[in-house]
């Protein structure tokens, strides 16, 4: 979690929108496939 926060700060310096997500609160069945059509890059720590 700490590393995720540090990484988010570094990404923000690029003027890119960033979201930090706890996998416990994330439903892959609903949301992971949404990334197919997005232009996001997902980082998994």
ModelCIF file with pLDDT and N, C-alpha, C, O atoms, coordinates in Angstrom:
data_MODEL
#
_entry.id   MODEL 
#
_entity.id                         1 
_entity.type                       polymer 
_entity.pdbx_number_of_molecules   1 
#
_entity_poly.entity_id                      1 
_entity_poly.type                           'polypeptide(L)' 
_entity_poly.nstd_linkage                   no 
_entity_poly.nstd_monomer                   no 
_entity_poly.pdbx_seq_one_letter_code       
;(UNK)(UNK)(UNK)(UNK)(UNK)(UNK)(UNK)(UNK)(UNK)(UNK)(UNK)(UNK)(UNK)(UNK)(UNK)(UNK)
(UNK)(UNK)(UNK)(UNK)(UNK)(UNK)(UNK)(UNK)(UNK)(UNK)(UNK)(UNK)(UNK)(UNK)(UNK)(UNK)
(UNK)(UNK)(UNK)(UNK)(UNK)(UNK)(UNK)(UNK)(UNK)(UNK)(UNK)(UNK)(UNK)
;
_entity_poly.pdbx_seq_one_letter_code_can   XXXXXXXXXXXXXXXXXXXXXXXXXXXXXXXXXXXXXXXXXXXXX 
_entity_poly.pdbx_strand_id                 A 
#
loop_
_entity_poly_seq.entity_id 
_entity_poly_seq.num 
_entity_poly_seq.mon_id 
_entity_poly_seq.hetero 
1 1  UNK n 
1 2  UNK n 
1 3  UNK n 
1 4  UNK n 
1 5  UNK n 
1 6  UNK n 
1 7  UNK n 
1 8  UNK n 
1 9  UNK n 
1 10 UNK n 
1 11 UNK n 
1 12 UNK n 
1 13 UNK n 
1 14 UNK n 
1 15 UNK n 
1 16 UNK n 
1 17 UNK n 
1 18 UNK n 
1 19 UNK n 
1 20 UNK n 
1 21 UNK n 
1 22 UNK n 
1 23 UNK n 
1 24 UNK n 
1 25 UNK n 
1 26 UNK n 
1 27 UNK n 
1 28 UNK n 
1 29 UNK n 
1 30 UNK n 
1 31 UNK n 
1 32 UNK n 
1 33 UNK n 
1 34 UNK n 
1 35 UNK n 
1 36 UNK n 
1 37 UNK n 
1 38 UNK n 
1 39 UNK n 
1 40 UNK n 
1 41 UNK n 
1 42 UNK n 
1 43 UNK n 
1 44 UNK n 
1 45 UNK n 
#
_struct_asym.id          A 
_struct_asym.entity_id   1 
#
loop_
_ma_qa_metric.id 
_ma_qa_metric.mode 
_ma_qa_metric.name 
_ma_qa_metric.software_group_id 
_ma_qa_metric.type 
1 global pLDDT . pLDDT 
2 local  pLDDT . pLDDT 
#
_ma_qa_metric_global.metric_id      1 
_ma_qa_metric_global.metric_value   87.93 
_ma_qa_metric_global.model_id       1 
_ma_qa_metric_global.ordinal_id     1 
#
loop_
_ma_qa_metric_local.label_asym_id 
_ma_qa_metric_local.label_comp_id 
_ma_qa_metric_local.label_seq_id 
_ma_qa_metric_local.metric_id 
_ma_qa_metric_local.metric_value 
_ma_qa_metric_local.model_id 
_ma_qa_metric_local.ordinal_id 
A UNK 1  2 92.00 1 1  
A UNK 2  2 93.00 1 2  
A UNK 3  2 94.00 1 3  
A UNK 4  2 94.00 1 4  
A UNK 5  2 93.00 1 5  
A UNK 6  2 94.00 1 6  
A UNK 7  2 94.00 1 7  
A UNK 8  2 93.00 1 8  
A UNK 9  2 93.00 1 9  
A UNK 10 2 93.00 1 10 
A UNK 11 2 92.00 1 11 
A UNK 12 2 91.00 1 12 
A UNK 13 2 89.00 1 13 
A UNK 14 2 89.00 1 14 
A UNK 15 2 87.00 1 15 
A UNK 16 2 89.00 1 16 
A UNK 17 2 90.00 1 17 
A UNK 18 2 92.00 1 18 
A UNK 19 2 92.00 1 19 
A UNK 20 2 93.00 1 20 
A UNK 21 2 92.00 1 21 
A UNK 22 2 92.00 1 22 
A UNK 23 2 90.00 1 23 
A UNK 24 2 87.00 1 24 
A UNK 25 2 85.00 1 25 
A UNK 26 2 87.00 1 26 
A UNK 27 2 81.00 1 27 
A UNK 28 2 84.00 1 28 
A UNK 29 2 77.00 1 29 
A UNK 30 2 73.00 1 30 
A UNK 31 2 79.00 1 31 
A UNK 32 2 81.00 1 32 
A UNK 33 2 77.00 1 33 
A UNK 34 2 78.00 1 34 
A UNK 35 2 81.00 1 35 
A UNK 36 2 78.00 1 36 
A UNK 37 2 77.00 1 37 
A UNK 38 2 80.00 1 38 
A UNK 39 2 85.00 1 39 
A UNK 40 2 89.00 1 40 
A UNK 41 2 92.00 1 41 
A UNK 42 2 92.00 1 42 
A UNK 43 2 94.00 1 43 
A UNK 44 2 95.00 1 44 
A UNK 45 2 94.00 1 45 
#
loop_
_atom_site.group_PDB 
_atom_site.id 
_atom_site.type_symbol 
_atom_site.label_atom_id 
_atom_site.label_alt_id 
_atom_site.label_comp_id 
_atom_site.label_asym_id 
_atom_site.label_entity_id 
_atom_site.label_seq_id 
_atom_site.pdbx_PDB_ins_code 
_atom_site.Cartn_x 
_atom_site.Cartn_y 
_atom_site.Cartn_z 
_atom_site.occupancy 
_atom_site.B_iso_or_equiv 
_atom_site.pdbx_formal_charge 
_atom_site.auth_seq_id 
_atom_site.auth_comp_id 
_atom_site.auth_asym_id 
_atom_site.auth_atom_id 
_atom_site.pdbx_PDB_model_num 
ATOM 1   N N  . UNK A 1 1  ? 0.839   -1.203 0.000   1.00 92.00 ? 1  UNK A N  1 
ATOM 2   C CA . UNK A 1 1  ? 0.000   0.000  0.000   1.00 92.00 ? 1  UNK A CA 1 
ATOM 3   C C  . UNK A 1 1  ? 0.874   1.252  0.000   1.00 92.00 ? 1  UNK A C  1 
ATOM 4   O O  . UNK A 1 1  ? 0.586   2.213  -0.714  1.00 92.00 ? 1  UNK A O  1 
ATOM 5   N N  . UNK A 1 2  ? 1.938   1.241  0.798   1.00 93.00 ? 2  UNK A N  1 
ATOM 6   C CA . UNK A 1 2  ? 2.848   2.383  0.828   1.00 93.00 ? 2  UNK A CA 1 
ATOM 7   C C  . UNK A 1 2  ? 3.522   2.607  -0.509  1.00 93.00 ? 2  UNK A C  1 
ATOM 8   O O  . UNK A 1 2  ? 3.649   3.742  -0.968  1.00 93.00 ? 2  UNK A O  1 
ATOM 9   N N  . UNK A 1 3  ? 3.955   1.513  -1.139  1.00 94.00 ? 3  UNK A N  1 
ATOM 10  C CA . UNK A 1 3  ? 4.571   1.623  -2.456  1.00 94.00 ? 3  UNK A CA 1 
ATOM 11  C C  . UNK A 1 3  ? 3.572   2.175  -3.475  1.00 94.00 ? 3  UNK A C  1 
ATOM 12  O O  . UNK A 1 3  ? 3.936   2.973  -4.339  1.00 94.00 ? 3  UNK A O  1 
ATOM 13  N N  . UNK A 1 4  ? 2.322   1.748  -3.371  1.00 94.00 ? 4  UNK A N  1 
ATOM 14  C CA . UNK A 1 4  ? 1.295   2.222  -4.297  1.00 94.00 ? 4  UNK A CA 1 
ATOM 15  C C  . UNK A 1 4  ? 1.115   3.732  -4.172  1.00 94.00 ? 4  UNK A C  1 
ATOM 16  O O  . UNK A 1 4  ? 0.940   4.427  -5.173  1.00 94.00 ? 4  UNK A O  1 
ATOM 17  N N  . UNK A 1 5  ? 1.158   4.228  -2.949  1.00 93.00 ? 5  UNK A N  1 
ATOM 18  C CA . UNK A 1 5  ? 1.030   5.671  -2.728  1.00 93.00 ? 5  UNK A CA 1 
ATOM 19  C C  . UNK A 1 5  ? 2.202   6.430  -3.326  1.00 93.00 ? 5  UNK A C  1 
ATOM 20  O O  . UNK A 1 5  ? 2.015   7.471  -3.955  1.00 93.00 ? 5  UNK A O  1 
ATOM 21  N N  . UNK A 1 6  ? 3.412   5.911  -3.133  1.00 94.00 ? 6  UNK A N  1 
ATOM 22  C CA . UNK A 1 6  ? 4.612   6.546  -3.691  1.00 94.00 ? 6  UNK A CA 1 
ATOM 23  C C  . UNK A 1 6  ? 4.553   6.545  -5.218  1.00 94.00 ? 6  UNK A C  1 
ATOM 24  O O  . UNK A 1 6  ? 4.885   7.541  -5.861  1.00 94.00 ? 6  UNK A O  1 
ATOM 25  N N  . UNK A 1 7  ? 4.131   5.422  -5.790  1.00 94.00 ? 7  UNK A N  1 
ATOM 26  C CA . UNK A 1 7  ? 4.034   5.329  -7.247  1.00 94.00 ? 7  UNK A CA 1 
ATOM 27  C C  . UNK A 1 7  ? 2.996   6.309  -7.781  1.00 94.00 ? 7  UNK A C  1 
ATOM 28  O O  . UNK A 1 7  ? 3.185   6.908  -8.840  1.00 94.00 ? 7  UNK A O  1 
ATOM 29  N N  . UNK A 1 8  ? 1.903   6.469  -7.046  1.00 93.00 ? 8  UNK A N  1 
ATOM 30  C CA . UNK A 1 8  ? 0.863   7.402  -7.472  1.00 93.00 ? 8  UNK A CA 1 
ATOM 31  C C  . UNK A 1 8  ? 1.389   8.827  -7.527  1.00 93.00 ? 8  UNK A C  1 
ATOM 32  O O  . UNK A 1 8  ? 1.049   9.575  -8.445  1.00 93.00 ? 8  UNK A O  1 
ATOM 33  N N  . UNK A 1 9  ? 2.211   9.215  -6.563  1.00 93.00 ? 9  UNK A N  1 
ATOM 34  C CA . UNK A 1 9  ? 2.791   10.558 -6.551  1.00 93.00 ? 9  UNK A CA 1 
ATOM 35  C C  . UNK A 1 9  ? 3.714   10.766 -7.754  1.00 93.00 ? 9  UNK A C  1 
ATOM 36  O O  . UNK A 1 9  ? 3.736   11.836 -8.362  1.00 93.00 ? 9  UNK A O  1 
ATOM 37  N N  . UNK A 1 10 ? 4.464   9.730  -8.079  1.00 93.00 ? 10 UNK A N  1 
ATOM 38  C CA . UNK A 1 10 ? 5.368   9.840  -9.227  1.00 93.00 ? 10 UNK A CA 1 
ATOM 39  C C  . UNK A 1 10 ? 4.584   9.960  -10.531 1.00 93.00 ? 10 UNK A C  1 
ATOM 40  O O  . UNK A 1 10 ? 4.962   10.724 -11.420 1.00 93.00 ? 10 UNK A O  1 
ATOM 41  N N  . UNK A 1 11 ? 3.497   9.206  -10.642 1.00 92.00 ? 11 UNK A N  1 
ATOM 42  C CA . UNK A 1 11 ? 2.668   9.271  -11.859 1.00 92.00 ? 11 UNK A CA 1 
ATOM 43  C C  . UNK A 1 11 ? 2.006   10.636 -11.971 1.00 92.00 ? 11 UNK A C  1 
ATOM 44  O O  . UNK A 1 11 ? 1.882   11.180 -13.069 1.00 92.00 ? 11 UNK A O  1 
ATOM 45  N N  . UNK A 1 12 ? 1.583   11.190 -10.843 1.00 91.00 ? 12 UNK A N  1 
ATOM 46  C CA . UNK A 1 12 ? 0.930   12.503 -10.852 1.00 91.00 ? 12 UNK A CA 1 
ATOM 47  C C  . UNK A 1 12 ? 1.845   13.580 -11.401 1.00 91.00 ? 12 UNK A C  1 
ATOM 48  O O  . UNK A 1 12 ? 1.376   14.554 -11.989 1.00 91.00 ? 12 UNK A O  1 
ATOM 49  N N  . UNK A 1 13 ? 3.145   13.414 -11.216 1.00 89.00 ? 13 UNK A N  1 
ATOM 50  C CA . UNK A 1 13 ? 4.100   14.406 -11.731 1.00 89.00 ? 13 UNK A CA 1 
ATOM 51  C C  . UNK A 1 13 ? 4.104   14.456 -13.251 1.00 89.00 ? 13 UNK A C  1 
ATOM 52  O O  . UNK A 1 13 ? 4.611   15.409 -13.841 1.00 89.00 ? 13 UNK A O  1 
ATOM 53  N N  . UNK A 1 14 ? 3.535   13.422 -13.895 1.00 89.00 ? 14 UNK A N  1 
ATOM 54  C CA . UNK A 1 14 ? 3.439   13.400 -15.355 1.00 89.00 ? 14 UNK A CA 1 
ATOM 55  C C  . UNK A 1 14 ? 2.137   14.019 -15.840 1.00 89.00 ? 14 UNK A C  1 
ATOM 56  O O  . UNK A 1 14 ? 1.835   13.996 -17.033 1.00 89.00 ? 14 UNK A O  1 
ATOM 57  N N  . UNK A 1 15 ? 1.363   14.577 -14.898 1.00 87.00 ? 15 UNK A N  1 
ATOM 58  C CA . UNK A 1 15 ? 0.050   15.160 -15.223 1.00 87.00 ? 15 UNK A CA 1 
ATOM 59  C C  . UNK A 1 15 ? -0.904  14.115 -15.788 1.00 87.00 ? 15 UNK A C  1 
ATOM 60  O O  . UNK A 1 15 ? -1.703  14.408 -16.677 1.00 87.00 ? 15 UNK A O  1 
ATOM 61  N N  . UNK A 1 16 ? -0.815  12.903 -15.270 1.00 89.00 ? 16 UNK A N  1 
ATOM 62  C CA . UNK A 1 16 ? -1.720  11.822 -15.662 1.00 89.00 ? 16 UNK A CA 1 
ATOM 63  C C  . UNK A 1 16 ? -2.690  11.531 -14.520 1.00 89.00 ? 16 UNK A C  1 
ATOM 64  O O  . UNK A 1 16 ? -2.284  11.509 -13.358 1.00 89.00 ? 16 UNK A O  1 
ATOM 65  N N  . UNK A 1 17 ? -3.954  11.311 -14.832 1.00 90.00 ? 17 UNK A N  1 
ATOM 66  C CA . UNK A 1 17 ? -4.898  10.897 -13.788 1.00 90.00 ? 17 UNK A CA 1 
ATOM 67  C C  . UNK A 1 17 ? -4.464  9.554  -13.199 1.00 90.00 ? 17 UNK A C  1 
ATOM 68  O O  . UNK A 1 17 ? -4.065  8.652  -13.936 1.00 90.00 ? 17 UNK A O  1 
ATOM 69  N N  . UNK A 1 18 ? -4.540  9.422  -11.894 1.00 92.00 ? 18 UNK A N  1 
ATOM 70  C CA . UNK A 1 18 ? -4.101  8.188  -11.249 1.00 92.00 ? 18 UNK A CA 1 
ATOM 71  C C  . UNK A 1 18 ? -5.095  7.794  -10.168 1.00 92.00 ? 18 UNK A C  1 
ATOM 72  O O  . UNK A 1 18 ? -5.632  8.653  -9.468  1.00 92.00 ? 18 UNK A O  1 
ATOM 73  N N  . UNK A 1 19 ? -5.339  6.499  -10.032 1.00 92.00 ? 19 UNK A N  1 
ATOM 74  C CA . UNK A 1 19 ? -6.228  5.974  -8.998  1.00 92.00 ? 19 UNK A CA 1 
ATOM 75  C C  . UNK A 1 19 ? -5.524  4.834  -8.290  1.00 92.00 ? 19 UNK A C  1 
ATOM 76  O O  . UNK A 1 19 ? -4.935  3.964  -8.933  1.00 92.00 ? 19 UNK A O  1 
ATOM 77  N N  . UNK A 1 20 ? -5.584  4.837  -6.950  1.00 93.00 ? 20 UNK A N  1 
ATOM 78  C CA . UNK A 1 20 ? -5.011  3.763  -6.144  1.00 93.00 ? 20 UNK A CA 1 
ATOM 79  C C  . UNK A 1 20 ? -6.155  2.910  -5.618  1.00 93.00 ? 20 UNK A C  1 
ATOM 80  O O  . UNK A 1 20 ? -7.062  3.414  -4.957  1.00 93.00 ? 20 UNK A O  1 
ATOM 81  N N  . UNK A 1 21 ? -6.107  1.608  -5.918  1.00 92.00 ? 21 UNK A N  1 
ATOM 82  C CA . UNK A 1 21 ? -7.242  0.725  -5.642  1.00 92.00 ? 21 UNK A CA 1 
ATOM 83  C C  . UNK A 1 21 ? -6.795  -0.474 -4.810  1.00 92.00 ? 21 UNK A C  1 
ATOM 84  O O  . UNK A 1 21 ? -5.836  -1.162 -5.159  1.00 92.00 ? 21 UNK A O  1 
ATOM 85  N N  . UNK A 1 22 ? -7.492  -0.712 -3.719  1.00 92.00 ? 22 UNK A N  1 
ATOM 86  C CA . UNK A 1 22 ? -7.268  -1.900 -2.901  1.00 92.00 ? 22 UNK A CA 1 
ATOM 87  C C  . UNK A 1 22 ? -7.964  -3.075 -3.572  1.00 92.00 ? 22 UNK A C  1 
ATOM 88  O O  . UNK A 1 22 ? -9.168  -3.016 -3.823  1.00 92.00 ? 22 UNK A O  1 
ATOM 89  N N  . UNK A 1 23 ? -7.231  -4.133 -3.863  1.00 90.00 ? 23 UNK A N  1 
ATOM 90  C CA . UNK A 1 23 ? -7.813  -5.280 -4.550  1.00 90.00 ? 23 UNK A CA 1 
ATOM 91  C C  . UNK A 1 23 ? -8.953  -5.917 -3.759  1.00 90.00 ? 23 UNK A C  1 
ATOM 92  O O  . UNK A 1 23 ? -9.800  -6.598 -4.338  1.00 90.00 ? 23 UNK A O  1 
ATOM 93  N N  . UNK A 1 24 ? -8.985  -5.707 -2.465  1.00 87.00 ? 24 UNK A N  1 
ATOM 94  C CA . UNK A 1 24 ? -10.067 -6.257 -1.649  1.00 87.00 ? 24 UNK A CA 1 
ATOM 95  C C  . UNK A 1 24 ? -11.397 -5.630 -2.010  1.00 87.00 ? 24 UNK A C  1 
ATOM 96  O O  . UNK A 1 24 ? -12.443 -6.267 -1.884  1.00 87.00 ? 24 UNK A O  1 
ATOM 97  N N  . UNK A 1 25 ? -11.364 -4.385 -2.459  1.00 85.00 ? 25 UNK A N  1 
ATOM 98  C CA . UNK A 1 25 ? -12.585 -3.654 -2.786  1.00 85.00 ? 25 UNK A CA 1 
ATOM 99  C C  . UNK A 1 25 ? -12.861 -3.627 -4.283  1.00 85.00 ? 25 UNK A C  1 
ATOM 100 O O  . UNK A 1 25 ? -13.749 -2.909 -4.743  1.00 85.00 ? 25 UNK A O  1 
ATOM 101 N N  . UNK A 1 26 ? -12.106 -4.403 -5.033  1.00 87.00 ? 26 UNK A N  1 
ATOM 102 C CA . UNK A 1 26 ? -12.217 -4.373 -6.498  1.00 87.00 ? 26 UNK A CA 1 
ATOM 103 C C  . UNK A 1 26 ? -12.866 -5.653 -6.996  1.00 87.00 ? 26 UNK A C  1 
ATOM 104 O O  . UNK A 1 26 ? -12.477 -6.747 -6.587  1.00 87.00 ? 26 UNK A O  1 
ATOM 105 N N  . UNK A 1 27 ? -13.852 -5.525 -7.876  1.00 81.00 ? 27 UNK A N  1 
ATOM 106 C CA . UNK A 1 27 ? -14.552 -6.673 -8.434  1.00 81.00 ? 27 UNK A CA 1 
ATOM 107 C C  . UNK A 1 27 ? -14.073 -6.905 -9.865  1.00 81.00 ? 27 UNK A C  1 
ATOM 108 O O  . UNK A 1 27 ? -14.532 -6.213 -10.774 1.00 81.00 ? 27 UNK A O  1 
ATOM 109 N N  . UNK A 1 28 ? -13.173 -7.848 -10.094 1.00 84.00 ? 28 UNK A N  1 
ATOM 110 C CA . UNK A 1 28 ? -12.645 -8.057 -11.452 1.00 84.00 ? 28 UNK A CA 1 
ATOM 111 C C  . UNK A 1 28 ? -13.706 -8.538 -12.426 1.00 84.00 ? 28 UNK A C  1 
ATOM 112 O O  . UNK A 1 28 ? -13.624 -8.254 -13.621 1.00 84.00 ? 28 UNK A O  1 
ATOM 113 N N  . UNK A 1 29 ? -14.695 -9.258 -11.932 1.00 77.00 ? 29 UNK A N  1 
ATOM 114 C CA . UNK A 1 29 ? -15.741 -9.766 -12.809 1.00 77.00 ? 29 UNK A CA 1 
ATOM 115 C C  . UNK A 1 29 ? -16.518 -8.636 -13.456 1.00 77.00 ? 29 UNK A C  1 
ATOM 116 O O  . UNK A 1 29 ? -16.999 -8.767 -14.582 1.00 77.00 ? 29 UNK A O  1 
ATOM 117 N N  . UNK A 1 30 ? -16.641 -7.522 -12.741 1.00 73.00 ? 30 UNK A N  1 
ATOM 118 C CA . UNK A 1 30 ? -17.383 -6.374 -13.252 1.00 73.00 ? 30 UNK A CA 1 
ATOM 119 C C  . UNK A 1 30 ? -16.505 -5.377 -13.983 1.00 73.00 ? 30 UNK A C  1 
ATOM 120 O O  . UNK A 1 30 ? -16.891 -4.852 -15.028 1.00 73.00 ? 30 UNK A O  1 
ATOM 121 N N  . UNK A 1 31 ? -15.315 -5.111 -13.436 1.00 79.00 ? 31 UNK A N  1 
ATOM 122 C CA . UNK A 1 31 ? -14.568 -3.930 -13.859 1.00 79.00 ? 31 UNK A CA 1 
ATOM 123 C C  . UNK A 1 31 ? -13.296 -4.201 -14.656 1.00 79.00 ? 31 UNK A C  1 
ATOM 124 O O  . UNK A 1 31 ? -12.868 -3.337 -15.422 1.00 79.00 ? 31 UNK A O  1 
ATOM 125 N N  . UNK A 1 32 ? -12.681 -5.368 -14.502 1.00 81.00 ? 32 UNK A N  1 
ATOM 126 C CA . UNK A 1 32 ? -11.392 -5.576 -15.163 1.00 81.00 ? 32 UNK A CA 1 
ATOM 127 C C  . UNK A 1 32 ? -11.535 -5.527 -16.676 1.00 81.00 ? 32 UNK A C  1 
ATOM 128 O O  . UNK A 1 32 ? -10.664 -5.000 -17.368 1.00 81.00 ? 32 UNK A O  1 
ATOM 129 N N  . UNK A 1 33 ? -12.625 -6.074 -17.191 1.00 77.00 ? 33 UNK A N  1 
ATOM 130 C CA . UNK A 1 33 ? -12.818 -6.091 -18.639 1.00 77.00 ? 33 UNK A CA 1 
ATOM 131 C C  . UNK A 1 33 ? -13.043 -4.685 -19.189 1.00 77.00 ? 33 UNK A C  1 
ATOM 132 O O  . UNK A 1 33 ? -12.884 -4.459 -20.389 1.00 77.00 ? 33 UNK A O  1 
ATOM 133 N N  . UNK A 1 34 ? -13.416 -3.729 -18.316 1.00 78.00 ? 34 UNK A N  1 
ATOM 134 C CA . UNK A 1 34 ? -13.595 -2.356 -18.769 1.00 78.00 ? 34 UNK A CA 1 
ATOM 135 C C  . UNK A 1 34 ? -12.275 -1.750 -19.246 1.00 78.00 ? 34 UNK A C  1 
ATOM 136 O O  . UNK A 1 34 ? -12.265 -0.829 -20.064 1.00 78.00 ? 34 UNK A O  1 
ATOM 137 N N  . UNK A 1 35 ? -11.170 -2.272 -18.731 1.00 81.00 ? 35 UNK A N  1 
ATOM 138 C CA . UNK A 1 35 ? -9.863  -1.746 -19.112 1.00 81.00 ? 35 UNK A CA 1 
ATOM 139 C C  . UNK A 1 35 ? -9.495  -2.098 -20.546 1.00 81.00 ? 35 UNK A C  1 
ATOM 140 O O  . UNK A 1 35 ? -8.541  -1.548 -21.097 1.00 81.00 ? 35 UNK A O  1 
ATOM 141 N N  . UNK A 1 36 ? -10.253 -3.020 -21.158 1.00 78.00 ? 36 UNK A N  1 
ATOM 142 C CA . UNK A 1 36 ? -9.954  -3.437 -22.529 1.00 78.00 ? 36 UNK A CA 1 
ATOM 143 C C  . UNK A 1 36 ? -10.048 -2.259 -23.484 1.00 78.00 ? 36 UNK A C  1 
ATOM 144 O O  . UNK A 1 36 ? -9.193  -2.095 -24.355 1.00 78.00 ? 36 UNK A O  1 
ATOM 145 N N  . UNK A 1 37 ? -11.077 -1.438 -23.329 1.00 77.00 ? 37 UNK A N  1 
ATOM 146 C CA . UNK A 1 37 ? -11.304 -0.329 -24.251 1.00 77.00 ? 37 UNK A CA 1 
ATOM 147 C C  . UNK A 1 37 ? -10.732 0.994  -23.748 1.00 77.00 ? 37 UNK A C  1 
ATOM 148 O O  . UNK A 1 37 ? -10.787 2.002  -24.451 1.00 77.00 ? 37 UNK A O  1 
ATOM 149 N N  . UNK A 1 38 ? -10.188 0.994  -22.543 1.00 80.00 ? 38 UNK A N  1 
ATOM 150 C CA . UNK A 1 38 ? -9.619  2.234  -22.007 1.00 80.00 ? 38 UNK A CA 1 
ATOM 151 C C  . UNK A 1 38 ? -8.179  2.387  -22.470 1.00 80.00 ? 38 UNK A C  1 
ATOM 152 O O  . UNK A 1 38 ? -7.578  1.459  -23.011 1.00 80.00 ? 38 UNK A O  1 
ATOM 153 N N  . UNK A 1 39 ? -7.648  3.563  -22.248 1.00 85.00 ? 39 UNK A N  1 
ATOM 154 C CA . UNK A 1 39 ? -6.244  3.817  -22.571 1.00 85.00 ? 39 UNK A CA 1 
ATOM 155 C C  . UNK A 1 39 ? -5.396  3.840  -21.306 1.00 85.00 ? 39 UNK A C  1 
ATOM 156 O O  . UNK A 1 39 ? -4.304  4.408  -21.284 1.00 85.00 ? 39 UNK A O  1 
ATOM 157 N N  . UNK A 1 40 ? -5.914  3.218  -20.260 1.00 89.00 ? 40 UNK A N  1 
ATOM 158 C CA . UNK A 1 40 ? -5.192  3.196  -18.990 1.00 89.00 ? 40 UNK A CA 1 
ATOM 159 C C  . UNK A 1 40 ? -4.043  2.196  -19.021 1.00 89.00 ? 40 UNK A C  1 
ATOM 160 O O  . UNK A 1 40 ? -4.024  1.263  -19.823 1.00 89.00 ? 40 UNK A O  1 
ATOM 161 N N  . UNK A 1 41 ? -3.106  2.416  -18.142 1.00 92.00 ? 41 UNK A N  1 
ATOM 162 C CA . UNK A 1 41 ? -2.070  1.425  -17.832 1.00 92.00 ? 41 UNK A CA 1 
ATOM 163 C C  . UNK A 1 41 ? -2.298  1.000  -16.389 1.00 92.00 ? 41 UNK A C  1 
ATOM 164 O O  . UNK A 1 41 ? -2.425  1.842  -15.500 1.00 92.00 ? 41 UNK A O  1 
ATOM 165 N N  . UNK A 1 42 ? -2.350  -0.300 -16.162 1.00 92.00 ? 42 UNK A N  1 
ATOM 166 C CA . UNK A 1 42 ? -2.617  -0.830 -14.825 1.00 92.00 ? 42 UNK A CA 1 
ATOM 167 C C  . UNK A 1 42 ? -1.330  -1.366 -14.213 1.00 92.00 ? 42 UNK A C  1 
ATOM 168 O O  . UNK A 1 42 ? -0.611  -2.150 -14.833 1.00 92.00 ? 42 UNK A O  1 
ATOM 169 N N  . UNK A 1 43 ? -1.054  -0.936 -12.997 1.00 94.00 ? 43 UNK A N  1 
ATOM 170 C CA . UNK A 1 43 ? 0.107   -1.434 -12.261 1.00 94.00 ? 43 UNK A CA 1 
ATOM 171 C C  . UNK A 1 43 ? -0.385  -2.263 -11.078 1.00 94.00 ? 43 UNK A C  1 
ATOM 172 O O  . UNK A 1 43 ? -1.240  -1.816 -10.314 1.00 94.00 ? 43 UNK A O  1 
ATOM 173 N N  . UNK A 1 44 ? 0.153   -3.464 -10.931 1.00 95.00 ? 44 UNK A N  1 
ATOM 174 C CA . UNK A 1 44 ? -0.258  -4.368 -9.859  1.00 95.00 ? 44 UNK A CA 1 
ATOM 175 C C  . UNK A 1 44 ? 0.912   -4.555 -8.891  1.00 95.00 ? 44 UNK A C  1 
ATOM 176 O O  . UNK A 1 44 ? 1.968   -5.066 -9.265  1.00 95.00 ? 44 UNK A O  1 
ATOM 177 N N  . UNK A 1 45 ? 0.709   -4.141 -7.661  1.00 94.00 ? 45 UNK A N  1 
ATOM 178 C CA . UNK A 1 45 ? 1.702   -4.298 -6.603  1.00 94.00 ? 45 UNK A CA 1 
ATOM 179 C C  . UNK A 1 45 ? 1.157   -5.328 -5.628  1.00 94.00 ? 45 UNK A C  1 
ATOM 180 O O  . UNK A 1 45 ? 1.811   -5.644 -4.634  1.00 94.00 ? 45 UNK A O  1 
#
